[in-house]
Amino acid sequence: MKTLDRYIGIRFIQCFLLVIFILVSLFSFLELVAQLDDIGKGNYQLFDVFVYIGLTTPRRVLDMVPMAALLGSIIALGMLADKGELIVMRASGLSVQRICFSVLATGALLMVATGTLEEYVAPPMEQHARLSRSLAISDTGILLTKDGFWARQGHSFIHVGKTLSGGIATGLDVYEGDNKGGLHAFIHAREADIHSNKRWVLKDIRKTVIEEQRITTQNLPTMALESFLSTEQVNILELPPDSLSPSDLYQYIQALRQRGQNADTYVLALWQKLAVPLTTGAMVLLSLPFVFGPPRGTTIGLRITVGAMVGIGFYLANQIIGYMGLLLELHPAITTLAPVAAVLWIALWRLRQAP
């Protein structure tokens, strides 16, 4: 029995790797074409493009894992069925449920690998890729971090906690230095309006001036930073939610809520990441009715075509439902897990009808 489990699992993994290689290669090529438009901006060159494509490959792998699991399982079991190997297995006393268990056991390994990639591998590589790209394009000497970015202006060092849509930044800290390299003043602003002429208007300011004999603090309504960063440069520097790991996303969500800021987009990204391993398992289960459900004579090509359409449809529907949920103010856990639950129910229902 273990020999058959190993045989089915190896065939599944082989087909999965083939599908994931094809899909990732295709989408990497499309990303390469898109990145070519940015060559020549700042210090961004062709070598930087290939480095960016390589470092963001794990993210594309994670995006394609559910669909690759669906197609890989269909191809593997379809080939076994076309060669009559599944008939021999069933004739020898191996039930459909036992064959499905062998596939699902291998799918469980994929779920564990997917979760590991999502937490430890893809986020740091993608963040490094985006950091290198943004620094090369913007050419502003900015340091990008998980909690915003740092920039230098003359003798001052500026930390921007978060940039929002509409040209607004929040959580600004300005460290003003003197000619001797010491700290002259510290400024904290609740938010700032970013104008097109690189002028930042800080609001709700608390300024602390450090002198030789005393330290004074004053509150100011507004203050201007001249010739800092344009809106376009800030947009380039922004890290998207899906570039963070689930643990970093959770911590960032808590920080946003403590500041009283809207964290819905990041909550949705967190639940989408947590749902990837579950989606992978659901897709493996959904692939089984494509092999055991259709009548004999159904070609493997037709099964793959239908499976690809189902996988693409699920991916698009999952994205649409997630963002529609934000508009309707539904909790992201509902809009993210509901499609997965629907896929699981359909797969189990179809398996029960299998002969």
Protein backbone atom coordinates (compact mmCIF):
# COMPACT_ATOMS: atom_id res chain seq x y z
CA MET A 1 0.00 0.00 0.00
CA LYS A 2 2.82 2.39 0.83
CA THR A 3 4.37 1.64 -2.55
CA LEU A 4 1.17 2.72 -4.33
CA ASP A 5 0.93 5.85 -2.14
CA ARG A 6 4.50 6.74 -3.03
CA TYR A 7 3.91 6.03 -6.71
CA ILE A 8 0.79 8.23 -6.89
CA GLY A 9 2.45 10.96 -4.85
CA ILE A 10 5.55 11.04 -7.07
CA ARG A 11 3.42 11.28 -10.22
CA PHE A 12 1.43 14.11 -8.65
CA ILE A 13 4.57 16.04 -7.62
CA GLN A 14 6.14 15.58 -11.06
CA CYS A 15 3.09 16.98 -12.84
CA PHE A 16 2.73 19.76 -10.26
CA LEU A 17 6.33 20.87 -10.78
CA LEU A 18 5.88 20.82 -14.54
CA VAL A 19 2.75 22.98 -14.35
CA ILE A 20 4.21 25.41 -11.83
CA PHE A 21 7.33 25.79 -13.99
CA ILE A 22 5.26 26.62 -17.07
CA LEU A 23 2.97 29.07 -15.26
CA VAL A 24 5.76 30.85 -13.38
CA SER A 25 7.88 31.10 -16.54
CA LEU A 26 4.95 32.64 -18.42
CA PHE A 27 4.12 35.21 -15.77
CA SER A 28 7.81 35.98 -15.19
CA PHE A 29 8.14 36.78 -18.89
CA LEU A 30 5.11 39.08 -18.70
CA GLU A 31 6.64 40.80 -15.65
CA LEU A 32 9.91 41.15 -17.55
CA VAL A 33 8.14 42.91 -20.41
CA ALA A 34 6.43 45.24 -17.94
CA GLN A 35 9.72 46.07 -16.18
CA LEU A 36 11.46 46.93 -19.45
CA ASP A 37 9.47 50.18 -19.56
CA ASP A 38 11.29 51.38 -16.43
CA ILE A 39 14.81 50.84 -17.75
CA GLY A 40 16.63 54.18 -17.82
CA LYS A 41 14.67 55.70 -14.94
CA GLY A 42 17.22 56.77 -12.36
CA ASN A 43 19.83 54.01 -12.12
CA TYR A 44 17.48 51.19 -13.10
CA GLN A 45 19.19 49.01 -15.75
CA LEU A 46 18.65 45.64 -17.46
CA PHE A 47 20.67 43.76 -14.84
CA ASP A 48 18.44 45.23 -12.12
CA VAL A 49 15.39 43.96 -14.02
CA PHE A 50 16.66 40.37 -14.01
CA VAL A 51 17.55 40.63 -10.32
CA TYR A 52 14.04 41.92 -9.60
CA ILE A 53 12.44 39.09 -11.62
CA GLY A 54 14.53 36.49 -9.81
CA LEU A 55 13.82 37.80 -6.31
CA THR A 56 10.06 38.07 -6.92
CA THR A 57 9.79 34.55 -8.37
CA PRO A 58 8.75 32.97 -5.01
CA ARG A 59 5.78 35.36 -4.89
CA ARG A 60 4.64 34.23 -8.33
CA VAL A 61 5.12 30.61 -7.26
CA LEU A 62 2.79 31.18 -4.31
CA ASP A 63 0.22 32.85 -6.53
CA MET A 64 0.24 29.89 -8.92
CA VAL A 65 0.37 27.03 -6.36
CA PRO A 66 -3.42 26.49 -6.04
CA MET A 67 -3.94 26.39 -9.81
CA ALA A 68 -0.85 24.23 -10.30
CA ALA A 69 -2.09 21.82 -7.63
CA LEU A 70 -5.43 21.52 -9.44
CA LEU A 71 -3.91 20.98 -12.89
CA GLY A 72 -1.05 18.81 -11.62
CA SER A 73 -3.46 16.44 -9.88
CA ILE A 74 -5.74 16.28 -12.93
CA ILE A 75 -2.81 15.54 -15.25
CA ALA A 76 -1.26 12.93 -12.94
CA LEU A 77 -4.48 11.02 -12.29
CA GLY A 78 -5.65 11.52 -15.86
CA MET A 79 -2.48 9.89 -17.19
CA LEU A 80 -2.92 7.01 -14.76
CA ALA A 81 -6.50 6.61 -15.93
CA ASP A 82 -5.62 6.75 -19.64
CA LYS A 83 -2.96 4.06 -19.17
CA GLY A 84 -5.42 1.86 -17.28
CA GLU A 85 -3.37 1.99 -14.09
CA LEU A 86 -6.28 3.30 -12.02
CA ILE A 87 -8.44 0.40 -13.24
CA VAL A 88 -5.76 -2.07 -12.17
CA MET A 89 -5.51 -0.41 -8.76
CA ARG A 90 -9.26 -0.59 -8.25
CA ALA A 91 -9.40 -4.17 -9.52
CA SER A 92 -6.78 -5.11 -6.95
CA GLY A 93 -9.06 -3.85 -4.18
CA LEU A 94 -7.93 -0.23 -3.85
CA SER A 95 -11.01 1.97 -3.40
CA VAL A 96 -11.56 5.40 -4.87
CA GLN A 97 -11.40 6.85 -1.37
CA ARG A 98 -8.00 5.24 -0.79
CA ILE A 99 -6.61 6.63 -4.05
CA CYS A 100 -7.96 10.06 -3.12
CA PHE A 101 -6.28 9.76 0.27
CA SER A 102 -2.91 9.17 -1.43
CA VAL A 103 -3.34 12.35 -3.47
CA LEU A 104 -4.54 14.40 -0.50
CA ALA A 105 -1.57 13.23 1.61
CA THR A 106 0.78 14.66 -1.00
CA GLY A 107 -1.39 17.77 -1.17
CA ALA A 108 -0.92 18.20 2.59
CA LEU A 109 2.83 18.38 2.03
CA LEU A 110 2.23 21.13 -0.53
CA MET A 111 0.12 23.00 2.01
CA VAL A 112 2.96 22.90 4.55
CA ALA A 113 5.51 24.01 1.94
CA THR A 114 3.21 26.83 0.83
CA GLY A 115 2.81 28.12 4.39
CA THR A 116 6.59 28.03 4.90
CA LEU A 117 7.23 29.97 1.69
CA GLU A 118 4.55 32.51 2.62
CA GLU A 119 6.05 33.24 6.03
CA TYR A 120 9.82 32.86 5.67
CA VAL A 121 10.95 32.91 2.03
CA ALA A 122 8.84 35.03 -0.31
CA PRO A 123 8.31 38.20 1.82
CA PRO A 124 11.99 39.04 2.56
CA MET A 125 13.01 38.33 -1.02
CA GLU A 126 10.19 40.44 -2.47
CA GLN A 127 10.84 43.29 -0.03
CA HIS A 128 14.52 43.31 -0.98
CA ALA A 129 13.57 43.29 -4.66
CA ARG A 130 11.16 46.20 -4.27
CA LEU A 131 13.65 48.10 -2.12
CA SER A 132 16.43 47.74 -4.71
CA ARG A 133 14.08 48.68 -7.54
CA SER A 134 12.63 51.71 -5.78
CA LEU A 135 16.05 53.01 -4.78
CA ALA A 136 17.36 52.57 -8.34
CA ILE A 137 14.35 54.27 -9.93
CA SER A 138 13.84 57.11 -7.45
CA ASP A 139 17.59 57.73 -6.94
CA THR A 140 16.82 59.57 -3.69
CA GLY A 141 18.99 57.70 -1.16
CA ILE A 142 15.96 56.49 0.81
CA LEU A 143 15.95 53.57 3.23
CA LEU A 144 12.78 51.48 3.00
CA THR A 145 11.63 49.53 6.09
CA LYS A 146 8.54 47.58 7.18
CA ASP A 147 7.39 50.63 9.18
CA GLY A 148 7.69 53.25 6.43
CA PHE A 149 10.88 54.79 5.11
CA TRP A 150 13.77 57.04 6.12
CA ALA A 151 15.14 59.95 4.09
CA ARG A 152 17.84 62.56 4.57
CA GLN A 153 17.47 66.25 3.81
CA GLY A 154 20.52 68.35 4.60
CA HIS A 155 21.33 67.82 8.29
CA SER A 156 17.89 66.36 8.98
CA PHE A 157 16.74 62.74 9.01
CA ILE A 158 13.04 62.14 8.32
CA HIS A 159 11.00 59.05 9.06
CA VAL A 160 7.61 58.63 7.37
CA GLY A 161 5.47 55.99 9.03
CA LYS A 162 2.77 55.51 6.41
CA THR A 163 1.65 57.06 3.13
CA LEU A 164 -2.03 56.96 2.19
CA SER A 165 -3.92 57.52 -1.03
CA GLY A 166 -4.71 61.12 -1.91
CA GLY A 167 -1.25 62.48 -1.12
CA ILE A 168 -1.38 62.05 2.66
CA ALA A 169 1.35 60.77 4.98
CA THR A 170 1.00 59.90 8.66
CA GLY A 171 3.37 59.42 11.58
CA LEU A 172 6.24 61.71 10.59
CA ASP A 173 9.36 62.16 12.73
CA VAL A 174 12.00 64.75 11.84
CA TYR A 175 15.41 64.74 13.52
CA GLU A 176 17.12 68.07 12.86
CA GLY A 177 20.89 68.06 13.27
CA ASP A 178 23.33 70.91 13.70
CA ASN A 179 26.64 71.61 11.95
CA LYS A 180 28.53 69.62 14.59
CA GLY A 181 26.53 66.45 14.00
CA GLY A 182 24.46 66.75 17.16
CA LEU A 183 20.67 66.68 17.55
CA HIS A 184 19.20 70.17 17.53
CA ALA A 185 15.44 69.46 17.40
CA PHE A 186 12.91 66.65 17.18
CA ILE A 187 9.62 67.15 15.38
CA HIS A 188 6.66 64.80 15.37
CA ALA A 189 3.70 65.42 13.05
CA ARG A 190 0.47 63.46 13.04
CA GLU A 191 0.09 63.77 9.28
CA ALA A 192 1.18 65.74 6.23
CA ASP A 193 -0.27 66.79 2.89
CA ILE A 194 1.99 66.01 -0.07
CA HIS A 195 1.86 68.66 -2.81
CA SER A 196 2.95 68.24 -6.41
CA ASN A 197 5.86 70.67 -6.04
CA LYS A 198 7.58 68.39 -3.47
CA ARG A 199 6.25 70.53 -0.65
CA TRP A 200 5.01 68.72 2.44
CA VAL A 201 2.70 70.56 4.84
CA LEU A 202 2.93 68.97 8.29
CA LYS A 203 -0.06 69.17 10.64
CA ASP A 204 -0.61 68.74 14.38
CA ILE A 205 3.06 69.21 15.25
CA ARG A 206 4.95 68.80 18.47
CA LYS A 207 8.46 70.29 18.27
CA THR A 208 11.18 69.76 20.87
CA VAL A 209 14.23 72.03 20.67
CA ILE A 210 17.41 70.88 22.38
CA GLU A 211 19.72 73.69 23.51
CA GLU A 212 22.82 73.68 25.67
CA GLN A 213 21.05 74.79 28.83
CA ARG A 214 17.46 73.71 28.34
CA ILE A 215 14.93 71.74 26.33
CA THR A 216 11.77 73.47 25.14
CA THR A 217 8.62 71.99 23.64
CA GLN A 218 5.99 73.71 21.58
CA ASN A 219 2.89 72.73 19.61
CA LEU A 220 2.45 74.10 16.08
CA PRO A 221 -0.59 73.87 13.80
CA THR A 222 1.37 73.56 10.54
CA MET A 223 4.90 73.46 9.22
CA ALA A 224 6.35 73.05 5.72
CA LEU A 225 9.05 70.76 4.35
CA GLU A 226 10.35 72.18 1.09
CA SER A 227 11.81 70.15 -1.80
CA PHE A 228 11.35 66.78 -0.09
CA LEU A 229 9.62 64.06 -2.18
CA SER A 230 6.99 64.18 -4.90
CA THR A 231 3.81 62.10 -4.89
CA GLU A 232 5.20 59.89 -7.69
CA GLN A 233 8.36 59.12 -5.71
CA VAL A 234 6.31 58.24 -2.63
CA ASN A 235 4.11 55.88 -4.63
CA ILE A 236 7.19 54.03 -5.88
CA LEU A 237 8.46 53.58 -2.33
CA GLU A 238 5.22 52.15 -0.93
CA LEU A 239 5.37 48.45 -0.02
CA PRO A 240 2.13 46.66 -1.02
CA PRO A 241 0.37 44.57 1.63
CA ASP A 242 1.05 41.28 -0.16
CA SER A 243 4.82 41.82 0.19
CA LEU A 244 4.62 41.34 3.97
CA SER A 245 4.60 38.00 5.77
CA PRO A 246 1.47 36.98 7.72
CA SER A 247 3.16 37.70 11.07
CA ASP A 248 4.38 41.13 9.91
CA LEU A 249 0.93 41.89 8.54
CA TYR A 250 -0.68 41.03 11.87
CA GLN A 251 1.70 43.30 13.78
CA TYR A 252 1.21 46.11 11.28
CA ILE A 253 -2.57 45.78 11.52
CA GLN A 254 -2.37 46.11 15.29
CA ALA A 255 -0.19 49.20 14.95
CA LEU A 256 -2.62 50.81 12.49
CA ARG A 257 -5.57 50.12 14.77
CA GLN A 258 -3.75 51.63 17.73
CA ARG A 259 -3.30 54.80 15.68
CA GLY A 260 -6.96 54.79 14.74
CA GLN A 261 -6.25 54.19 11.02
CA ASN A 262 -8.16 52.01 8.59
CA ALA A 263 -6.48 48.60 8.26
CA ASP A 264 -9.11 46.81 6.10
CA THR A 265 -6.80 46.39 3.10
CA TYR A 266 -4.12 44.81 5.25
CA VAL A 267 -6.64 42.57 7.02
CA LEU A 268 -7.82 41.31 3.63
CA ALA A 269 -4.21 40.65 2.58
CA LEU A 270 -3.61 38.73 5.82
CA TRP A 271 -6.62 36.48 5.35
CA GLN A 272 -5.74 35.90 1.70
CA LYS A 273 -2.28 34.74 2.75
CA LEU A 274 -3.67 32.49 5.48
CA ALA A 275 -6.12 31.00 2.97
CA VAL A 276 -3.45 30.02 0.40
CA PRO A 277 -2.60 26.64 2.02
CA LEU A 278 -6.31 25.93 2.51
CA THR A 279 -7.00 26.88 -1.11
CA THR A 280 -4.24 24.54 -2.25
CA GLY A 281 -5.82 21.65 -0.36
CA ALA A 282 -9.25 22.55 -1.70
CA MET A 283 -7.94 22.59 -5.27
CA VAL A 284 -6.35 19.16 -4.83
CA LEU A 285 -9.68 17.83 -3.59
CA LEU A 286 -11.52 19.56 -6.44
CA SER A 287 -9.27 17.84 -8.98
CA LEU A 288 -10.45 14.37 -7.97
CA PRO A 289 -13.98 14.60 -9.47
CA PHE A 290 -12.39 15.55 -12.81
CA VAL A 291 -10.84 12.07 -12.91
CA PHE A 292 -13.35 9.87 -11.09
CA GLY A 293 -16.47 11.82 -12.02
CA PRO A 294 -16.48 12.06 -15.86
CA PRO A 295 -17.63 9.07 -17.92
CA ARG A 296 -15.07 6.84 -19.58
CA GLY A 297 -13.78 8.18 -22.86
CA THR A 298 -13.31 11.72 -21.60
CA THR A 299 -9.88 12.76 -22.83
CA ILE A 300 -7.22 14.12 -20.52
CA GLY A 301 -7.03 17.23 -22.71
CA LEU A 302 -10.66 18.06 -22.01
CA ARG A 303 -10.16 17.47 -18.30
CA ILE A 304 -7.14 19.82 -18.25
CA THR A 305 -9.03 22.48 -20.21
CA VAL A 306 -12.03 22.39 -17.89
CA GLY A 307 -9.72 22.31 -14.86
CA ALA A 308 -7.80 25.35 -16.09
CA MET A 309 -11.04 27.26 -16.64
CA VAL A 310 -12.22 26.35 -13.14
CA GLY A 311 -8.88 27.39 -11.62
CA ILE A 312 -8.82 30.75 -13.41
CA GLY A 313 -12.48 31.35 -12.57
CA PHE A 314 -11.85 30.62 -8.89
CA TYR A 315 -8.83 32.94 -8.78
CA LEU A 316 -10.73 35.84 -10.37
CA ALA A 317 -13.83 35.23 -8.26
CA ASN A 318 -11.76 35.11 -5.08
CA GLN A 319 -10.15 38.47 -5.87
CA ILE A 320 -13.45 40.11 -6.84
CA ILE A 321 -15.29 38.79 -3.77
CA GLY A 322 -12.49 39.97 -1.48
CA TYR A 323 -12.55 43.58 -2.69
CA MET A 324 -16.32 43.62 -2.98
CA GLY A 325 -16.36 42.63 0.67
CA LEU A 326 -14.30 45.72 1.51
CA LEU A 327 -16.88 47.91 -0.24
CA LEU A 328 -19.75 46.16 1.56
CA GLU A 329 -17.84 46.27 4.89
CA LEU A 330 -17.87 42.49 5.30
CA HIS A 331 -15.18 40.87 7.39
CA PRO A 332 -12.34 39.61 5.14
CA ALA A 333 -12.44 36.21 6.86
CA ILE A 334 -15.92 35.67 5.41
CA THR A 335 -15.13 36.81 1.87
CA THR A 336 -11.83 34.88 1.82
CA LEU A 337 -12.90 31.57 3.34
CA ALA A 338 -16.39 31.39 1.79
CA PRO A 339 -15.08 30.58 -1.75
CA VAL A 340 -12.77 27.93 -0.27
CA ALA A 341 -15.66 26.38 1.64
CA ALA A 342 -17.77 26.41 -1.54
CA VAL A 343 -15.02 24.60 -3.47
CA LEU A 344 -14.71 21.99 -0.72
CA TRP A 345 -18.48 21.40 -0.70
CA ILE A 346 -18.63 21.03 -4.50
CA ALA A 347 -15.66 18.64 -4.51
CA LEU A 348 -17.13 16.43 -1.79
CA TRP A 349 -20.54 16.44 -3.47
CA ARG A 350 -19.04 15.39 -6.79
CA LEU A 351 -16.92 12.69 -5.18
CA ARG A 352 -19.97 11.14 -3.60
CA GLN A 353 -21.46 10.78 -7.04
CA ALA A 354 -18.34 9.09 -8.39
CA PRO A 355 -18.89 5.44 -9.40
